[in-house]
Amino acid sequence: MGGIIRFPDGRSSSLSPVTDPDWAEQWLRRSIQPMKPWTLTVPILPVGENLTTPFGTVVPILGVDGEGRTIVVLFDLKVDKPLTAVLGESIATLHWAENLDEKQLETFGRYFWHDPKASLAGVWAQVLGSQERAISFGQQTHVHILSWRSRNLLWEIQNFLLRHGLSILFFGLYTLQGEQGETVAIAEQIAAPLTVSAAVPEVGSVHKVGEVESFLRSLRETTNS
C-alpha cells in the first residue's frame, strides 16, 4: 500500500509502507502525549503508557474514551510472533483492565499528566471536549490491537472473539512514510460497527476473563509445544 500526502501549502509527497516493526512501535509510542487526545482507533484520553500488568504483559496505551470506557491499546506488529501468544496476552490484559476502577484510572492519570491533584472527570471533559457530567469510569473495558497481520487472518480471529463475547477488537494498521520523513498511520477496524455492537453489549463484556481460563491454558500449551 502506498499513496500521496498533500499539505495545506500545496506540497505533496509520495508515501511508502514502513516495514520495520520496532521503528513503527517507537513512533506510535511517541504519539502519546499527556492531556492530548489520541485518536488512531477511537478518540481517547490517555491516562498511562508502558504499564506492566501483574501478568507480565505490557500495555503501551491505557486510556478512557468519550463514553467513559477503559481502552487498552496493544501492538501486534511482529507477525512472526505466534498469534496464540498475542491472544493470550490480550485476554490477560483484558482481565487486568476490567478490574480497574475510577480511582485507579485517576491515579494512573495523575502520574502520567504530572499533576497529583488532577481530576479524571475534569481532564476527560477538557481533552475530549465533553461537558463535565456525572459518568462512571471503568464500567466497561475494550482492548484494541493494532496489527500488521493479513486481513483474512484477522477477520477469522475477530469473528471468534466476538462469538465468545470478548471485548477485544483488532485494527489493521497501515503505517506510511513520505519523502521528507513524514509519517502517516491509518487504522482500519476489522469488524463492522454493527457486528461489534451486537456482540459486545453496552454494559460490560459478556464473559469476564475468569470464565475463559481453560482457553488461556490451551493457548499457553500451544505456545510452549
C-alpha atoms as a PDB file:
ATOM      1  CA  MET A   1       0.000   0.000   0.000  1.00  0.00           C
ATOM      2  CA  GLY A   2       1.347   3.409  -0.981  1.00  0.00           C
ATOM      3  CA  GLY A   3      -0.114   6.820  -1.625  1.00  0.00           C
ATOM      4  CA  ILE A   4       0.344  10.574  -1.742  1.00  0.00           C
ATOM      5  CA  ILE A   5       0.059  13.062   1.095  1.00  0.00           C
ATOM      6  CA  ARG A   6      -0.897  16.640   0.273  1.00  0.00           C
ATOM      7  CA  PHE A   7      -0.120  19.529   2.623  1.00  0.00           C
ATOM      8  CA  PRO A   8      -2.130  22.758   3.134  1.00  0.00           C
ATOM      9  CA  ASP A   9       0.629  24.782   1.428  1.00  0.00           C
ATOM     10  CA  GLY A  10       0.169  22.770  -1.785  1.00  0.00           C
ATOM     11  CA  ARG A  11       3.170  20.470  -1.379  1.00  0.00           C
ATOM     12  CA  SER A  12       2.765  16.751  -1.959  1.00  0.00           C
ATOM     13  CA  SER A  13       4.874  13.736  -1.082  1.00  0.00           C
ATOM     14  CA  SER A  14       4.699  10.108  -2.136  1.00  0.00           C
ATOM     15  CA  LEU A  15       4.200   7.579   0.648  1.00  0.00           C
ATOM     16  CA  SER A  16       5.836   4.171   1.083  1.00  0.00           C
ATOM     17  CA  PRO A  17       4.986   1.474   3.653  1.00  0.00           C
ATOM     18  CA  VAL A  18       7.012   1.340   6.861  1.00  0.00           C
ATOM     19  CA  THR A  19       8.221  -2.243   7.296  1.00  0.00           C
ATOM     20  CA  ASP A  20      10.355  -2.020  10.469  1.00  0.00           C
ATOM     21  CA  PRO A  21       8.127  -3.046  13.406  1.00  0.00           C
ATOM     22  CA  ASP A  22      10.484  -1.646  16.053  1.00  0.00           C
ATOM     23  CA  TRP A  23      10.601   1.764  14.355  1.00  0.00           C
ATOM     24  CA  ALA A  24       6.821   1.801  13.893  1.00  0.00           C
ATOM     25  CA  GLU A  25       6.202   0.894  17.539  1.00  0.00           C
ATOM     26  CA  GLN A  26       8.524   3.625  18.787  1.00  0.00           C
ATOM     27  CA  TRP A  27       6.808   6.145  16.510  1.00  0.00           C
ATOM     28  CA  LEU A  28       3.399   5.095  17.842  1.00  0.00           C
ATOM     29  CA  ARG A  29       4.631   5.412  21.416  1.00  0.00           C
ATOM     30  CA  ARG A  30       5.909   8.935  20.720  1.00  0.00           C
ATOM     31  CA  SER A  31       2.433   9.885  19.517  1.00  0.00           C
ATOM     32  CA  ILE A  32       1.061   9.531  23.079  1.00  0.00           C
ATOM     33  CA  GLN A  33       1.082  12.885  24.893  1.00  0.00           C
ATOM     34  CA  PRO A  34      -0.228  13.826  28.352  1.00  0.00           C
ATOM     35  CA  MET A  35      -3.533  15.706  28.283  1.00  0.00           C
ATOM     36  CA  LYS A  36      -3.753  15.372  24.484  1.00  0.00           C
ATOM     37  CA  PRO A  37      -6.373  13.261  22.653  1.00  0.00           C
ATOM     38  CA  TRP A  38      -5.136  10.105  20.938  1.00  0.00           C
ATOM     39  CA  THR A  39      -7.371   9.197  18.016  1.00  0.00           C
ATOM     40  CA  LEU A  40      -5.899   6.345  15.970  1.00  0.00           C
ATOM     41  CA  THR A  41      -8.555   3.769  16.946  1.00  0.00           C
ATOM     42  CA  VAL A  42     -11.148   5.898  18.752  1.00  0.00           C
ATOM     43  CA  PRO A  43     -10.672   9.268  20.475  1.00  0.00           C
ATOM     44  CA  ILE A  44      -9.329   8.584  23.956  1.00  0.00           C
ATOM     45  CA  LEU A  45      -7.822  10.459  26.868  1.00  0.00           C
ATOM     46  CA  PRO A  46      -4.512   8.684  27.627  1.00  0.00           C
ATOM     47  CA  VAL A  47      -4.097   8.013  31.346  1.00  0.00           C
ATOM     48  CA  GLY A  48      -0.977   5.859  31.159  1.00  0.00           C
ATOM     49  CA  GLU A  49       1.694   4.404  28.920  1.00  0.00           C
ATOM     50  CA  ASN A  50       4.107   1.474  29.015  1.00  0.00           C
ATOM     51  CA  LEU A  51       2.392  -0.116  32.029  1.00  0.00           C
ATOM     52  CA  THR A  52       3.350  -3.612  33.175  1.00  0.00           C
ATOM     53  CA  THR A  53       0.478  -5.736  34.480  1.00  0.00           C
ATOM     54  CA  PRO A  54       0.773  -8.423  37.180  1.00  0.00           C
ATOM     55  CA  PHE A  55       0.556 -10.988  34.359  1.00  0.00           C
ATOM     56  CA  GLY A  56       3.786  -9.674  32.820  1.00  0.00           C
ATOM     57  CA  THR A  57       2.091  -8.093  29.802  1.00  0.00           C
ATOM     58  CA  VAL A  58       2.992  -4.547  28.799  1.00  0.00           C
ATOM     59  CA  VAL A  59       0.272  -2.002  27.997  1.00  0.00           C
ATOM     60  CA  PRO A  60       1.584   0.666  25.591  1.00  0.00           C
ATOM     61  CA  ILE A  61      -1.517   2.866  25.965  1.00  0.00           C
ATOM     62  CA  LEU A  62      -4.190   2.982  28.661  1.00  0.00           C
ATOM     63  CA  GLY A  63      -6.998   5.493  28.163  1.00  0.00           C
ATOM     64  CA  VAL A  64     -10.634   6.423  28.576  1.00  0.00           C
ATOM     65  CA  ASP A  65     -12.941   7.087  25.614  1.00  0.00           C
ATOM     66  CA  GLY A  66     -15.825   9.538  25.249  1.00  0.00           C
ATOM     67  CA  GLU A  67     -18.253   7.130  26.922  1.00  0.00           C
ATOM     68  CA  GLY A  68     -16.028   6.584  29.938  1.00  0.00           C
ATOM     69  CA  ARG A  69     -14.938   3.115  28.818  1.00  0.00           C
ATOM     70  CA  THR A  70     -11.463   1.895  29.689  1.00  0.00           C
ATOM     71  CA  ILE A  71      -9.484   1.413  26.469  1.00  0.00           C
ATOM     72  CA  VAL A  72      -6.269  -0.617  26.305  1.00  0.00           C
ATOM     73  CA  VAL A  73      -4.232  -0.370  23.087  1.00  0.00           C
ATOM     74  CA  LEU A  74      -1.801  -3.168  22.237  1.00  0.00           C
ATOM     75  CA  PHE A  75       0.597  -3.506  19.288  1.00  0.00           C
ATOM     76  CA  ASP A  76       0.835  -6.633  17.098  1.00  0.00           C
ATOM     77  CA  LEU A  77       3.477  -5.584  14.584  1.00  0.00           C
ATOM     78  CA  LYS A  78       5.892  -8.537  14.712  1.00  0.00           C
ATOM     79  CA  VAL A  79       3.974 -11.010  12.592  1.00  0.00           C
ATOM     80  CA  ASP A  80       6.443 -13.827  13.292  1.00  0.00           C
ATOM     81  CA  LYS A  81       5.204 -13.842  16.896  1.00  0.00           C
ATOM     82  CA  PRO A  82       2.655 -16.670  17.383  1.00  0.00           C
ATOM     83  CA  LEU A  83      -0.900 -15.378  17.251  1.00  0.00           C
ATOM     84  CA  THR A  84      -1.715 -17.649  20.193  1.00  0.00           C
ATOM     85  CA  ALA A  85       0.717 -15.607  22.301  1.00  0.00           C
ATOM     86  CA  VAL A  86      -0.891 -12.359  21.162  1.00  0.00           C
ATOM     87  CA  LEU A  87      -4.347 -13.651  22.069  1.00  0.00           C
ATOM     88  CA  GLY A  88      -3.178 -14.912  25.438  1.00  0.00           C
ATOM     89  CA  GLU A  89      -1.630 -11.546  26.253  1.00  0.00           C
ATOM     90  CA  SER A  90      -4.722  -9.659  25.119  1.00  0.00           C
ATOM     91  CA  ILE A  91      -7.044 -11.784  27.264  1.00  0.00           C
ATOM     92  CA  ALA A  92      -4.784 -11.438  30.306  1.00  0.00           C
ATOM     93  CA  THR A  93      -4.657  -7.681  29.719  1.00  0.00           C
ATOM     94  CA  LEU A  94      -8.449  -7.513  29.388  1.00  0.00           C
ATOM     95  CA  HIS A  95      -8.772  -9.328  32.713  1.00  0.00           C
ATOM     96  CA  TRP A  96      -6.424  -6.818  34.365  1.00  0.00           C
ATOM     97  CA  ALA A  97      -8.134  -3.762  32.874  1.00  0.00           C
ATOM     98  CA  GLU A  98     -11.631  -4.962  33.785  1.00  0.00           C
ATOM     99  CA  ASN A  99     -10.632  -4.652  37.437  1.00  0.00           C
ATOM    100  CA  LEU A 100      -9.516  -1.013  37.208  1.00  0.00           C
ATOM    101  CA  ASP A 101     -11.980   1.339  38.862  1.00  0.00           C
ATOM    102  CA  GLU A 102     -12.260   5.125  38.524  1.00  0.00           C
ATOM    103  CA  LYS A 103      -9.892   5.784  41.426  1.00  0.00           C
ATOM    104  CA  GLN A 104      -7.178   3.591  39.934  1.00  0.00           C
ATOM    105  CA  LEU A 105      -7.585   5.160  36.481  1.00  0.00           C
ATOM    106  CA  GLU A 106      -7.305   8.608  38.065  1.00  0.00           C
ATOM    107  CA  THR A 107      -4.157   7.541  39.944  1.00  0.00           C
ATOM    108  CA  PHE A 108      -2.550   6.376  36.684  1.00  0.00           C
ATOM    109  CA  GLY A 109      -3.628   9.623  35.029  1.00  0.00           C
ATOM    110  CA  ARG A 110      -2.212  11.904  37.711  1.00  0.00           C
ATOM    111  CA  TYR A 111       1.179  10.234  37.371  1.00  0.00           C
ATOM    112  CA  PHE A 112       1.082  10.373  33.558  1.00  0.00           C
ATOM    113  CA  TRP A 113      -0.129  14.003  33.480  1.00  0.00           C
ATOM    114  CA  HIS A 114       2.398  15.061  36.158  1.00  0.00           C
ATOM    115  CA  ASP A 115      -0.420  16.596  38.188  1.00  0.00           C
ATOM    116  CA  PRO A 116      -1.125  14.975  41.587  1.00  0.00           C
ATOM    117  CA  LYS A 117      -4.362  16.933  42.026  1.00  0.00           C
ATOM    118  CA  ALA A 118      -5.933  16.443  38.587  1.00  0.00           C
ATOM    119  CA  SER A 119      -9.493  15.166  38.360  1.00  0.00           C
ATOM    120  CA  LEU A 120     -10.138  12.360  35.874  1.00  0.00           C
ATOM    121  CA  ALA A 121     -13.581  13.755  35.083  1.00  0.00           C
ATOM    122  CA  GLY A 122     -12.222  17.288  34.627  1.00  0.00           C
ATOM    123  CA  VAL A 123      -9.320  16.333  32.338  1.00  0.00           C
ATOM    124  CA  TRP A 124     -11.597  13.958  30.406  1.00  0.00           C
ATOM    125  CA  ALA A 125     -14.063  16.789  29.752  1.00  0.00           C
ATOM    126  CA  GLN A 126     -11.264  19.185  28.781  1.00  0.00           C
ATOM    127  CA  VAL A 127      -9.410  16.855  26.419  1.00  0.00           C
ATOM    128  CA  LEU A 128     -12.349  15.124  24.721  1.00  0.00           C
ATOM    129  CA  GLY A 129     -14.453  18.274  24.516  1.00  0.00           C
ATOM    130  CA  SER A 130     -17.265  16.790  26.552  1.00  0.00           C
ATOM    131  CA  GLN A 131     -19.347  18.554  29.154  1.00  0.00           C
ATOM    132  CA  GLU A 132     -18.221  17.575  32.626  1.00  0.00           C
ATOM    133  CA  ARG A 133     -21.085  15.395  33.789  1.00  0.00           C
ATOM    134  CA  ALA A 134     -21.851  12.512  36.067  1.00  0.00           C
ATOM    135  CA  ILE A 135     -20.299   9.466  34.413  1.00  0.00           C
ATOM    136  CA  SER A 136     -18.994   6.167  35.715  1.00  0.00           C
ATOM    137  CA  PHE A 137     -15.488   5.432  34.525  1.00  0.00           C
ATOM    138  CA  GLY A 138     -14.192   1.887  34.348  1.00  0.00           C
ATOM    139  CA  GLN A 139     -17.561   0.164  33.953  1.00  0.00           C
ATOM    140  CA  GLN A 140     -16.704  -1.215  30.502  1.00  0.00           C
ATOM    141  CA  THR A 141     -13.387  -2.280  29.020  1.00  0.00           C
ATOM    142  CA  HIS A 142     -12.211  -2.754  25.451  1.00  0.00           C
ATOM    143  CA  VAL A 143      -8.832  -3.943  24.188  1.00  0.00           C
ATOM    144  CA  HIS A 144      -7.762  -2.558  20.797  1.00  0.00           C
ATOM    145  CA  ILE A 145      -4.983  -4.386  18.939  1.00  0.00           C
ATOM    146  CA  LEU A 146      -3.140  -2.605  16.123  1.00  0.00           C
ATOM    147  CA  SER A 147      -1.928  -5.366  13.821  1.00  0.00           C
ATOM    148  CA  TRP A 148       0.150  -5.849  10.687  1.00  0.00           C
ATOM    149  CA  ARG A 149      -1.179  -9.374  10.046  1.00  0.00           C
ATOM    150  CA  SER A 150      -3.159 -10.362   6.948  1.00  0.00           C
ATOM    151  CA  ARG A 151      -6.767  -9.161   6.843  1.00  0.00           C
ATOM    152  CA  ASN A 152      -8.136 -12.669   6.195  1.00  0.00           C
ATOM    153  CA  LEU A 153      -6.494 -13.994   9.360  1.00  0.00           C
ATOM    154  CA  LEU A 154      -7.692 -11.018  11.393  1.00  0.00           C
ATOM    155  CA  TRP A 155     -11.264 -11.475  10.154  1.00  0.00           C
ATOM    156  CA  GLU A 156     -11.233 -15.104  11.294  1.00  0.00           C
ATOM    157  CA  ILE A 157      -9.867 -14.404  14.766  1.00  0.00           C
ATOM    158  CA  GLN A 158     -12.095 -11.350  15.226  1.00  0.00           C
ATOM    159  CA  ASN A 159     -15.209 -13.375  14.476  1.00  0.00           C
ATOM    160  CA  PHE A 160     -14.085 -15.954  17.038  1.00  0.00           C
ATOM    161  CA  LEU A 161     -13.577 -13.295  19.714  1.00  0.00           C
ATOM    162  CA  LEU A 162     -16.954 -11.720  19.039  1.00  0.00           C
ATOM    163  CA  ARG A 163     -18.742 -15.082  19.152  1.00  0.00           C
ATOM    164  CA  HIS A 164     -17.343 -15.542  22.647  1.00  0.00           C
ATOM    165  CA  GLY A 165     -18.347 -12.024  23.703  1.00  0.00           C
ATOM    166  CA  LEU A 166     -14.790 -10.829  24.384  1.00  0.00           C
ATOM    167  CA  SER A 167     -14.274  -7.075  24.084  1.00  0.00           C
ATOM    168  CA  ILE A 168     -11.090  -7.419  22.028  1.00  0.00           C
ATOM    169  CA  LEU A 169     -11.079  -5.570  18.708  1.00  0.00           C
ATOM    170  CA  PHE A 170      -8.421  -5.898  16.012  1.00  0.00           C
ATOM    171  CA  PHE A 171      -7.487  -2.953  13.807  1.00  0.00           C
ATOM    172  CA  GLY A 172      -5.473  -3.384  10.622  1.00  0.00           C
ATOM    173  CA  LEU A 173      -2.653  -0.825  10.771  1.00  0.00           C
ATOM    174  CA  TYR A 174      -1.194   0.985   7.764  1.00  0.00           C
ATOM    175  CA  THR A 175       1.996   2.930   8.538  1.00  0.00           C
ATOM    176  CA  LEU A 176       3.393   5.044   5.694  1.00  0.00           C
ATOM    177  CA  GLN A 177       6.321   7.430   5.363  1.00  0.00           C
ATOM    178  CA  GLY A 178       6.856  10.327   2.967  1.00  0.00           C
ATOM    179  CA  GLU A 179       9.946  11.512   1.135  1.00  0.00           C
ATOM    180  CA  GLN A 180      10.836  14.009   3.878  1.00  0.00           C
ATOM    181  CA  GLY A 181      10.217  11.576   6.713  1.00  0.00           C
ATOM    182  CA  GLU A 182       6.565  12.477   7.229  1.00  0.00           C
ATOM    183  CA  THR A 183       4.762   9.523   8.793  1.00  0.00           C
ATOM    184  CA  VAL A 184       1.071   8.675   8.486  1.00  0.00           C
ATOM    185  CA  ALA A 185      -0.789   5.942  10.362  1.00  0.00           C
ATOM    186  CA  ILE A 186      -4.268   4.677   9.451  1.00  0.00           C
ATOM    187  CA  ALA A 187      -6.188   2.108  11.499  1.00  0.00           C
ATOM    188  CA  GLU A 188      -8.950   0.033   9.898  1.00  0.00           C
ATOM    189  CA  GLN A 189     -11.377  -1.675  12.270  1.00  0.00           C
ATOM    190  CA  ILE A 190     -11.679  -5.310  11.237  1.00  0.00           C
ATOM    191  CA  ALA A 191     -15.279  -5.898  12.328  1.00  0.00           C
ATOM    192  CA  ALA A 192     -18.218  -3.789  11.120  1.00  0.00           C
ATOM    193  CA  PRO A 193     -19.546  -1.463  13.863  1.00  0.00           C
ATOM    194  CA  LEU A 194     -22.993  -3.111  13.846  1.00  0.00           C
ATOM    195  CA  THR A 195     -21.436  -6.523  14.339  1.00  0.00           C
ATOM    196  CA  VAL A 196     -19.293  -5.232  17.193  1.00  0.00           C
ATOM    197  CA  SER A 197     -22.190  -3.556  18.988  1.00  0.00           C
ATOM    198  CA  ALA A 198     -24.322  -6.668  18.667  1.00  0.00           C
ATOM    199  CA  ALA A 199     -21.618  -8.929  20.036  1.00  0.00           C
ATOM    200  CA  VAL A 200     -20.244  -6.586  22.724  1.00  0.00           C
ATOM    201  CA  PRO A 201     -23.133  -5.303  24.859  1.00  0.00           C
ATOM    202  CA  GLU A 202     -23.391  -1.790  26.257  1.00  0.00           C
ATOM    203  CA  VAL A 203     -22.854  -2.900  29.844  1.00  0.00           C
ATOM    204  CA  GLY A 204     -19.596  -4.778  30.316  1.00  0.00           C
ATOM    205  CA  SER A 205     -18.400  -7.738  28.317  1.00  0.00           C
ATOM    206  CA  VAL A 206     -20.416 -10.927  28.069  1.00  0.00           C
ATOM    207  CA  HIS A 207     -17.668 -13.004  29.669  1.00  0.00           C
ATOM    208  CA  LYS A 208     -15.324 -11.929  32.384  1.00  0.00           C
ATOM    209  CA  VAL A 209     -11.918 -13.330  31.582  1.00  0.00           C
ATOM    210  CA  GLY A 210     -12.037 -15.723  34.519  1.00  0.00           C
ATOM    211  CA  GLU A 211     -14.646 -17.716  32.595  1.00  0.00           C
ATOM    212  CA  VAL A 212     -12.192 -18.499  29.796  1.00  0.00           C
ATOM    213  CA  GLU A 213      -9.274 -19.737  31.894  1.00  0.00           C
ATOM    214  CA  SER A 214      -9.331 -23.053  30.021  1.00  0.00           C
ATOM    215  CA  PHE A 215      -8.893 -21.112  26.782  1.00  0.00           C
ATOM    216  CA  LEU A 216      -5.869 -19.306  28.239  1.00  0.00           C
ATOM    217  CA  ARG A 217      -4.372 -22.633  29.344  1.00  0.00           C
ATOM    218  CA  SER A 218      -4.797 -24.073  25.858  1.00  0.00           C
ATOM    219  CA  LEU A 219      -3.051 -21.027  24.374  1.00  0.00           C
ATOM    220  CA  ARG A 220      -0.088 -21.466  26.734  1.00  0.00           C
ATOM    221  CA  GLU A 221       0.104 -25.175  25.948  1.00  0.00           C
ATOM    222  CA  THR A 222       0.082 -24.431  22.205  1.00  0.00           C
ATOM    223  CA  THR A 223       2.758 -21.752  22.566  1.00  0.00           C
ATOM    224  CA  ASN A 224       5.044 -23.981  24.658  1.00  0.00           C
ATOM    225  CA  SER A 225       4.694 -27.043  22.417  1.00  0.00           C
END
